[in-house]
Every structure is written in structure tokens, then in C-alpha cells.
Protein backbone atom coordinates (compact mmCIF):
# COMPACT_ATOMS: atom_id res chain seq x y z
CA MET A 1 11.88 9.97 -7.36
CA ALA A 2 10.88 8.25 -10.61
CA ARG A 3 7.20 8.22 -11.61
CA ASP A 4 5.19 7.57 -14.75
CA PRO A 5 5.60 10.27 -17.42
CA LEU A 6 2.73 12.73 -17.75
CA PRO A 7 0.83 12.14 -21.00
CA PRO A 8 -0.03 14.95 -23.43
CA GLY A 9 -3.25 16.58 -22.29
CA SER A 10 -2.02 16.82 -18.69
CA THR A 11 -1.94 20.26 -17.10
CA ILE A 12 1.24 21.99 -16.02
CA GLY A 13 0.83 24.63 -13.32
CA ILE A 14 3.23 27.56 -13.36
CA LEU A 15 3.72 29.94 -10.44
CA GLY A 16 4.54 33.35 -11.87
CA GLY A 17 3.26 35.04 -15.00
CA GLY A 18 6.28 36.88 -16.41
CA GLN A 19 8.23 36.26 -19.59
CA LEU A 20 9.87 33.08 -18.29
CA GLY A 21 6.47 31.59 -17.48
CA ARG A 22 5.27 32.68 -20.91
CA MET A 23 8.10 30.87 -22.69
CA VAL A 24 7.67 27.73 -20.60
CA ALA A 25 3.94 27.79 -21.40
CA LEU A 26 4.63 28.08 -25.13
CA ALA A 27 7.02 25.12 -24.99
CA ALA A 28 4.52 23.06 -23.00
CA ALA A 29 1.72 23.76 -25.47
CA ARG A 30 3.89 22.60 -28.37
CA LEU A 31 4.28 19.25 -26.60
CA GLY A 32 0.53 18.91 -26.15
CA PHE A 33 0.23 19.97 -22.52
CA HIS A 34 -2.34 22.34 -21.06
CA VAL A 35 -1.02 25.20 -18.92
CA HIS A 36 -2.51 26.95 -15.90
CA VAL A 37 -0.63 30.05 -14.68
CA TYR A 38 -0.99 31.35 -11.11
CA CYS A 39 0.06 34.95 -10.51
CA PRO A 40 -1.26 37.93 -8.51
CA ASP A 41 -0.59 40.38 -11.37
CA PRO A 42 -3.65 40.68 -13.68
CA SER A 43 -1.47 41.97 -16.53
CA SER A 44 0.88 38.97 -16.53
CA PRO A 45 2.17 38.30 -20.08
CA ALA A 46 2.07 34.53 -19.52
CA PHE A 47 -1.74 34.67 -19.21
CA GLU A 48 -1.98 35.46 -22.94
CA VAL A 49 -0.55 32.08 -23.95
CA ALA A 50 -2.01 29.84 -21.23
CA GLY A 51 -5.33 28.03 -21.39
CA ALA A 52 -6.19 28.98 -17.82
CA HIS A 53 -4.99 31.34 -15.16
CA THR A 54 -5.62 32.25 -11.54
CA ILE A 55 -5.19 35.78 -10.21
CA ALA A 56 -4.56 35.47 -6.49
CA ALA A 57 -1.93 36.17 -3.86
CA TYR A 58 0.79 33.60 -3.28
CA GLU A 59 -0.32 33.52 0.37
CA ASP A 60 -3.96 32.68 -0.47
CA ALA A 61 -4.22 29.11 0.81
CA GLU A 62 -7.73 28.54 -0.57
CA ALA A 63 -6.77 29.72 -4.06
CA LEU A 64 -3.63 27.58 -3.97
CA ASP A 65 -5.68 24.55 -2.98
CA ARG A 66 -8.07 25.10 -5.89
CA PHE A 67 -5.13 25.59 -8.26
CA ALA A 68 -3.52 22.35 -7.08
CA GLY A 69 -6.71 20.48 -7.83
CA LEU A 70 -6.65 21.66 -11.45
CA VAL A 71 -3.07 20.74 -12.39
CA ASP A 72 -0.92 17.61 -12.55
CA VAL A 73 2.49 19.09 -11.72
CA VAL A 74 3.66 22.49 -10.47
CA THR A 75 6.74 24.51 -11.37
CA TYR A 76 7.71 28.17 -11.07
CA GLU A 77 9.34 30.84 -13.14
CA PHE A 78 11.04 32.77 -10.36
CA GLU A 79 12.62 31.88 -7.03
CA ASN A 80 10.81 34.38 -4.80
CA VAL A 81 7.81 32.14 -4.26
CA PRO A 82 7.03 32.11 -0.52
CA ALA A 83 8.20 28.92 1.20
CA ARG A 84 4.69 28.32 2.55
CA THR A 85 3.31 28.42 -1.01
CA ALA A 86 5.70 25.67 -2.03
CA GLU A 87 4.82 23.63 1.04
CA ILE A 88 1.07 23.83 0.37
CA LEU A 89 1.39 22.86 -3.28
CA GLY A 90 4.04 20.21 -2.65
CA LEU A 91 1.61 18.34 -0.41
CA ARG A 92 -0.99 18.20 -3.19
CA GLN A 93 0.98 17.75 -6.40
CA PRO A 94 4.52 17.01 -7.57
CA LEU A 95 6.54 20.24 -7.31
CA TYR A 96 9.68 20.70 -9.39
CA PRO A 97 12.14 22.03 -8.46
CA ASP A 98 11.20 20.93 -4.95
CA ALA A 99 10.82 23.02 -1.80
CA ARG A 100 14.38 22.26 -0.68
CA ALA A 101 15.86 23.64 -3.89
CA LEU A 102 13.66 26.72 -3.56
CA SER A 103 14.57 27.44 0.08
CA THR A 104 18.27 26.90 -0.62
CA THR A 105 18.44 29.25 -3.59
CA GLN A 106 16.14 32.07 -2.51
CA ASP A 107 18.33 33.04 0.45
CA ARG A 108 21.90 34.03 -0.44
CA VAL A 109 23.36 32.91 2.90
CA PHE A 110 21.71 29.49 2.62
CA GLU A 111 22.85 29.24 -1.01
CA LYS A 112 26.47 30.16 -0.33
CA THR A 113 26.57 27.80 2.66
CA PHE A 114 25.18 24.94 0.57
CA LEU A 115 27.74 25.57 -2.18
CA ARG A 116 30.66 25.75 0.23
CA GLU A 117 29.58 22.53 1.95
CA ALA A 118 29.33 20.90 -1.48
CA GLY A 119 32.98 21.72 -2.09
CA VAL A 120 32.31 24.52 -4.58
CA ASP A 121 34.56 27.59 -4.66
CA VAL A 122 32.64 30.75 -3.68
CA ALA A 123 33.66 34.22 -2.55
CA PRO A 124 34.20 34.61 1.21
CA PHE A 125 30.93 35.68 2.82
CA ALA A 126 29.25 36.51 6.10
CA ALA A 127 25.68 37.12 7.19
CA VAL A 128 24.78 40.68 8.22
CA ASP A 129 21.62 40.71 10.30
CA SER A 130 22.27 44.12 11.86
CA ALA A 131 24.68 47.02 11.46
CA ASP A 132 26.59 45.63 14.45
CA ASP A 133 27.61 42.63 12.32
CA LEU A 134 29.39 44.69 9.66
CA GLU A 135 32.84 44.94 11.23
CA ALA A 136 33.01 41.19 11.87
CA ALA A 137 31.76 40.51 8.34
CA ILE A 138 34.44 42.76 6.83
CA ALA A 139 37.06 40.82 8.80
CA VAL A 140 35.91 37.74 6.86
CA THR A 141 35.51 39.24 3.39
CA GLY A 142 37.95 42.13 3.31
CA LEU A 143 37.33 45.31 1.34
CA PRO A 144 36.13 46.14 -1.22
CA ALA A 145 33.13 43.86 -0.88
CA ILE A 146 29.58 43.50 -2.16
CA LEU A 147 26.71 44.00 0.27
CA LYS A 148 23.52 42.27 -0.91
CA THR A 149 20.09 41.67 0.50
CA ARG A 150 19.68 38.01 1.43
CA ARG A 151 16.47 37.74 -0.59
CA PHE A 152 14.63 39.29 -3.56
CA GLY A 153 17.53 40.97 -5.33
CA TYR A 154 17.87 40.73 -9.12
CA ASP A 155 19.34 42.72 -12.04
CA GLY A 156 21.62 44.61 -9.67
CA LYS A 157 18.80 45.58 -7.30
CA GLY A 158 19.48 45.06 -3.60
CA GLN A 159 23.26 45.17 -3.83
CA ALA A 160 26.05 47.70 -3.50
CA LYS A 161 29.82 47.66 -3.79
CA VAL A 162 31.38 49.06 -0.61
CA ALA A 163 34.98 50.13 -0.01
CA THR A 164 34.74 51.40 3.59
CA ILE A 165 32.85 50.59 6.75
CA GLU A 166 30.97 53.88 6.36
CA GLU A 167 29.77 52.90 2.87
CA ALA A 168 28.73 49.50 4.21
CA ARG A 169 26.71 51.09 7.00
CA ALA A 170 25.00 53.48 4.59
CA ALA A 171 24.12 50.65 2.19
CA PHE A 172 22.77 48.50 5.02
CA ARG A 173 20.55 51.37 6.22
CA HIS A 174 19.23 51.70 2.67
CA PHE A 175 18.42 47.99 2.41
CA ALA A 176 16.74 47.88 5.84
CA SER A 177 16.74 44.07 5.70
CA PRO A 178 19.03 41.14 6.51
CA ALA A 179 22.00 41.06 4.15
CA ILE A 180 25.10 39.16 3.15
CA LEU A 181 28.56 40.62 2.65
CA GLU A 182 30.58 38.91 -0.08
CA GLY A 183 34.24 39.40 -0.88
CA PHE A 184 34.89 41.16 -4.18
CA VAL A 185 35.98 38.73 -6.91
CA PRO A 186 38.32 40.31 -9.52
CA PHE A 187 36.86 38.31 -12.38
CA ALA A 188 37.73 38.54 -16.06
CA VAL A 189 34.34 37.38 -17.40
CA GLU A 190 31.07 35.97 -16.12
CA VAL A 191 29.80 32.73 -17.59
CA SER A 192 26.77 30.57 -16.95
CA ALA A 193 25.95 26.90 -17.15
CA ILE A 194 22.37 25.96 -18.02
CA VAL A 195 21.77 22.54 -16.51
CA VAL A 196 18.74 20.30 -16.97
CA ARG A 197 18.12 17.26 -14.79
CA GLY A 198 15.27 14.83 -15.19
CA ILE A 199 13.19 12.87 -12.71
CA GLY A 200 15.24 9.80 -13.56
CA ARG A 201 18.46 11.72 -12.71
CA GLU A 202 19.58 12.14 -16.32
CA THR A 203 21.62 15.36 -16.36
CA LEU A 204 22.68 17.46 -19.36
CA VAL A 205 24.53 20.78 -19.56
CA TYR A 206 24.28 23.21 -22.46
CA GLU A 207 27.29 24.95 -23.98
CA ILE A 208 28.74 27.47 -21.54
CA GLY A 209 27.72 31.06 -22.33
CA GLU A 210 29.64 34.27 -21.70
CA ASN A 211 27.59 37.12 -20.22
CA ARG A 212 27.97 40.86 -20.62
CA HIS A 213 26.01 43.28 -18.44
CA GLU A 214 24.98 46.91 -18.81
CA HIS A 215 23.79 48.82 -15.74
CA HIS A 216 23.76 45.51 -13.80
CA ILE A 217 21.30 43.94 -16.27
CA LEU A 218 22.29 41.09 -18.57
CA LYS A 219 22.67 42.58 -22.03
CA GLU A 220 24.26 39.84 -24.12
CA THR A 221 25.15 36.17 -23.91
CA THR A 222 27.53 34.75 -26.50
CA ILE A 223 28.02 31.10 -27.34
CA PRO A 224 30.62 29.70 -27.01
CA ALA A 225 32.23 31.57 -24.14
CA GLY A 226 35.70 32.97 -24.73
CA ILE A 227 37.36 30.72 -22.16
CA GLY A 228 39.67 27.74 -22.34
CA ALA A 229 38.42 24.24 -23.16
CA GLU A 230 39.40 22.98 -19.70
CA THR A 231 37.47 25.82 -18.07
CA ARG A 232 34.38 25.06 -20.17
CA ALA A 233 34.58 21.41 -19.12
CA ALA A 234 35.03 22.43 -15.47
CA ALA A 235 31.99 24.75 -15.68
CA ARG A 236 29.86 21.95 -17.06
CA ASP A 237 31.07 19.62 -14.32
CA LEU A 238 30.28 22.23 -11.64
CA GLY A 239 26.76 22.67 -12.97
CA ARG A 240 26.20 18.93 -12.99
CA ARG A 241 27.59 18.49 -9.46
CA ILE A 242 25.42 21.26 -8.04
CA ALA A 243 22.23 19.88 -9.63
CA GLU A 244 23.01 16.43 -8.28
CA ALA A 245 23.77 17.76 -4.79
CA LEU A 246 20.34 19.45 -4.77
CA ASP A 247 18.67 16.32 -6.21
CA TYR A 248 17.27 18.84 -8.66
CA VAL A 249 14.57 18.39 -11.31
CA GLY A 250 14.19 20.93 -14.11
CA VAL A 251 16.45 23.64 -15.51
CA LEU A 252 18.99 25.28 -13.21
CA GLY A 253 21.07 28.36 -14.03
CA VAL A 254 24.55 28.50 -12.49
CA GLU A 255 26.34 31.85 -12.76
CA MET A 256 30.14 31.75 -12.36
CA PHE A 257 33.05 34.15 -12.38
CA VAL A 258 36.16 33.29 -14.37
CA VAL A 259 39.26 34.51 -12.56
CA ARG A 260 42.50 34.70 -14.52
CA ASP A 261 45.89 34.80 -12.83
CA GLY A 262 49.34 33.36 -13.25
CA ALA A 263 48.03 29.85 -12.72
CA GLY A 264 45.47 30.17 -15.55
CA GLU A 265 41.67 30.23 -15.22
CA ARG A 266 39.59 29.21 -12.22
CA LEU A 267 35.87 29.33 -11.51
CA VAL A 268 34.05 30.94 -8.58
CA VAL A 269 30.32 30.26 -8.41
CA ASN A 270 28.32 33.46 -7.93
CA GLU A 271 24.61 32.58 -7.86
CA LEU A 272 22.08 29.85 -8.63
CA ALA A 273 18.71 30.33 -10.32
CA PRO A 274 16.22 27.46 -9.76
CA ARG A 275 14.41 28.01 -13.06
CA VAL A 276 14.92 28.67 -16.73
CA HIS A 277 17.44 31.48 -17.07
CA ASN A 278 17.91 34.62 -19.15
CA SER A 279 21.37 33.50 -20.26
CA GLY A 280 19.79 30.35 -21.68
CA HIS A 281 17.42 32.15 -24.07
CA TRP A 282 19.87 31.46 -26.90
CA THR A 283 18.79 27.82 -26.79
CA GLU A 284 15.44 28.66 -28.41
CA ASP A 285 17.13 29.10 -31.78
CA GLY A 286 20.70 27.91 -31.22
CA ALA A 287 20.30 24.45 -29.67
CA VAL A 288 18.61 21.22 -30.72
CA THR A 289 16.24 21.49 -27.73
CA SER A 290 15.50 24.76 -25.93
CA GLN A 291 15.86 25.17 -22.19
CA PHE A 292 12.11 25.75 -22.01
CA GLU A 293 11.21 22.49 -23.71
CA ASN A 294 13.74 20.60 -21.63
CA HIS A 295 12.32 22.08 -18.44
CA VAL A 296 8.88 20.83 -19.44
CA ARG A 297 10.28 17.43 -20.40
CA ALA A 298 12.09 17.16 -17.06
CA ILE A 299 9.14 18.01 -14.80
CA ALA A 300 6.80 15.81 -16.89
CA GLY A 301 9.10 12.82 -16.56
CA TRP A 302 9.91 12.68 -20.28
CA PRO A 303 13.33 11.88 -21.74
CA LEU A 304 15.47 14.98 -22.08
CA GLY A 305 16.17 16.47 -25.49
CA ALA A 306 19.64 16.91 -26.95
CA VAL A 307 21.41 20.09 -25.82
CA ASP A 308 23.92 20.33 -28.67
CA ARG A 309 24.26 23.79 -30.20
CA ILE A 310 23.74 24.20 -33.93
CA GLY A 311 26.15 27.11 -34.35
CA ASP A 312 27.63 30.20 -32.75
CA VAL A 313 24.99 32.35 -31.10
CA SER A 314 24.48 35.85 -29.74
CA MET A 315 21.49 36.56 -27.50
CA VAL A 316 20.80 40.26 -26.86
CA ASN A 317 18.21 41.48 -24.37
CA LEU A 318 15.91 44.27 -25.53
CA ILE A 319 15.64 46.71 -22.63
CA GLY A 320 12.99 49.42 -22.48
CA ASP A 321 12.48 51.29 -25.74
CA GLU A 322 14.87 48.99 -27.63
CA ALA A 323 11.90 46.73 -28.28
CA HIS A 324 10.43 49.46 -30.50
CA ASP A 325 13.11 48.64 -33.09
CA TYR A 326 11.33 45.41 -34.00
CA ALA A 327 11.01 46.30 -37.70
CA ALA A 328 14.74 46.85 -38.09
CA ILE A 329 15.51 43.70 -36.12
CA VAL A 330 13.36 41.39 -38.22
CA SER A 331 14.84 42.83 -41.42
CA ASP A 332 18.06 41.05 -40.45
CA PRO A 333 17.80 37.52 -41.92
CA GLN A 334 19.89 36.09 -39.04
CA ALA A 335 17.76 37.66 -36.31
CA ARG A 336 15.10 35.73 -34.40
CA LEU A 337 12.94 38.14 -32.41
CA HIS A 338 11.16 37.18 -29.19
CA LEU A 339 8.89 39.80 -27.61
CA TYR A 340 7.22 39.27 -24.26
CA GLY A 341 3.89 41.00 -24.77
CA LYS A 342 4.42 43.56 -22.02
CA ALA A 343 2.17 46.58 -22.31
CA ALA A 344 4.63 49.36 -21.46
CA ALA A 345 8.34 49.80 -22.06
CA ARG A 346 10.16 51.27 -19.08
CA PRO A 347 13.86 51.94 -18.49
CA GLY A 348 15.50 48.77 -17.19
CA ARG A 349 12.54 46.55 -18.12
CA LYS A 350 13.22 43.46 -20.22
CA MET A 351 10.82 43.63 -23.15
CA GLY A 352 12.21 40.86 -25.33
CA HIS A 353 15.37 39.42 -26.78
CA VAL A 354 16.86 38.64 -30.16
CA ASN A 355 18.95 35.60 -31.09
CA ARG A 356 21.39 35.60 -33.97
CA VAL A 357 22.74 32.21 -35.03
CA THR A 358 25.67 31.50 -37.32
CA PRO A 359 25.16 27.82 -38.18
CA PHE A 360 28.08 25.44 -38.41
CA ALA A 361 29.36 24.97 -41.96
CA ARG A 362 28.09 21.78 -43.56
């Protein structure tokens, strides 16, 4: 796996032009790299901060081939890159995370199967390829359960809680695509581990964050999570184990449920994100090295930066019109505002985030 580190002046190619690509591009530029963003959307906010960009479909083999010839390494900011896209680029340039990590994490059945085979605790699950599969799936998961599309779901889209077979059938008709049924986990809190693993297999895990959602969208991540020390250590270990099992390179987000019962706290892994992650945005201002810089370091073959936090942190997403409160936000001396450069605020659209750090006492 090991190769010579990319020198400053090399070009990092990013598939996807949203806010995650934008923040990776900014981190890469600070380290002296050039950035070329590939995205079909001409209004992509990452284009504004990249030296070059390509507007083309992810299925355009000729455009992908030209793109590959202009970059030295390829990464992506979201997991819904077509598998064929990854295959084409992976034959031309180093691709991190690799095509195996992408294919494993972009399909929920593949992902859950991988986790279970790796010895990781997950909710009971079953594939639902047609409405005829629902009764057998419910026999595995029980009710209530969560019906999700196998691919492309995010921020609560493509999923529904179902309590009866009739509700499951109605939800499946609405999805009109292959799905997965997952047993309902009665969790106390959701936490996430942000893991970074380098080409040389060095692996670091940031402080575990506690996540709070509103309308199925992440609203706030607080550091440290309000869980026991043993649970925090177990979450870090799970993140490390999963990255190693995938032979992963780059930043990986691992979302977990914390279940509390008479025996204490236990962890159930919910989902993986093969990219920088919203719940890791606190690292921009609250850690020695941000997740974005460490992702760039990892895919470039550089040593990883320290992941120690510098204080207690709250990261709050700015959804829709909340971004219009920028003047009030920046009047707070503890607030660090990050806006994504999106042209229009819409309900449910992530427009930016704000970090508030309470440094450790000296």
C-alpha cells in the first residue's frame, strides 16, 4: 500500500462539489496542493475554492479519463459515486478510499453484512427486494423496525419507521426500490467516531462526539459525548477495527447507537460514511488537526496530524434560513462561523455550521 508522499504542488482530484468537497479543498490548498473538483452540478460550492473544475456526468468515461490525467490522486466527498466511476479512475490514479470501501458502504445490506462478519454488533436486518420479502424480513427484525432504501438515503430521506406489515408495505411502495429492514434499536444517544487512517496504516480516532438530530438532520454535535469512559474507549476501538478491516485510507465516519440497560452501556453500529463527516466539523476549531487536513494528509501519504481536542466543543448546523443570522453569530466571541457559499437557503438544506470552543484551562 505504501508509496512516496505527494509533494506540495501535486493535484488532488475530488469527486463531488458540495460543502464537504469545499472544506477538503480549502485544507488541501493550505498545505500547498492544487485541487481539481469533478461534479455535474455547475453551481457546486466547491468550485469557488478550487483551482480547476470539470462539469460532467459521473458516467462520462471520456471526461473521467481526462480528469484522471490532470490529477495525482482521487478522493470523493460523498459515497454515492457510481461503482463504474471508481473503477475507471482507480485504474488511472490512486483512489482513496478505494473501490472496495465505496462498494461496501454505499449499499446498506453490503455494509451491515460486512460489519456483522467483522464481529461488530449491528441491529438485526434483512434485505427486501420485493414486497413479498417483507413478512420474512419482519420475522428476522421484529416490529417496530426501520425500512430504508439500500442506497442513496441521507438526512432521514429514504427511510421510515414501521410498526405493522401494512405500514411496511406502504413504505416499500413509496420507495419503489430495493430496501433493507432493520430492527429498531432503543438507543439513549447517538455518537460518532471520526477515524483517520494513513497509507502506512497509521490510525487515529478523534474524541467521540454526541449527536442530536432535528427532523432527521444532524443539528448539533457536542464534544465530549455524555457517555462513560469505557464506552468512549470502546467506540474508539470499534472505529479503529472497522477502518483496519476495510484496509481504509482517509477519514471514515462511524455512527453508533448507545444502548443503556441494566448491564450498563453497549454500542450498536448504525452506519458508515467513507468520507469526512458532518459530525467531525468541530475538528476545524476544536482539534489540533482538522478532519479535512488529516484526510488530505492521509491520501497524500503524509504523516497524520494530532487529533487531540483543545477544549469542549459544540458544533451546530445552520439549516435553511438560520444562515441569515450570520451577524448575530459572529458577534459571539466564542463562535467560529463556516458558511458553504450556497446560493439559496431552502428548508432542510445545510447552509453552514458554527463551532463554539471552550478551551481547557491553562
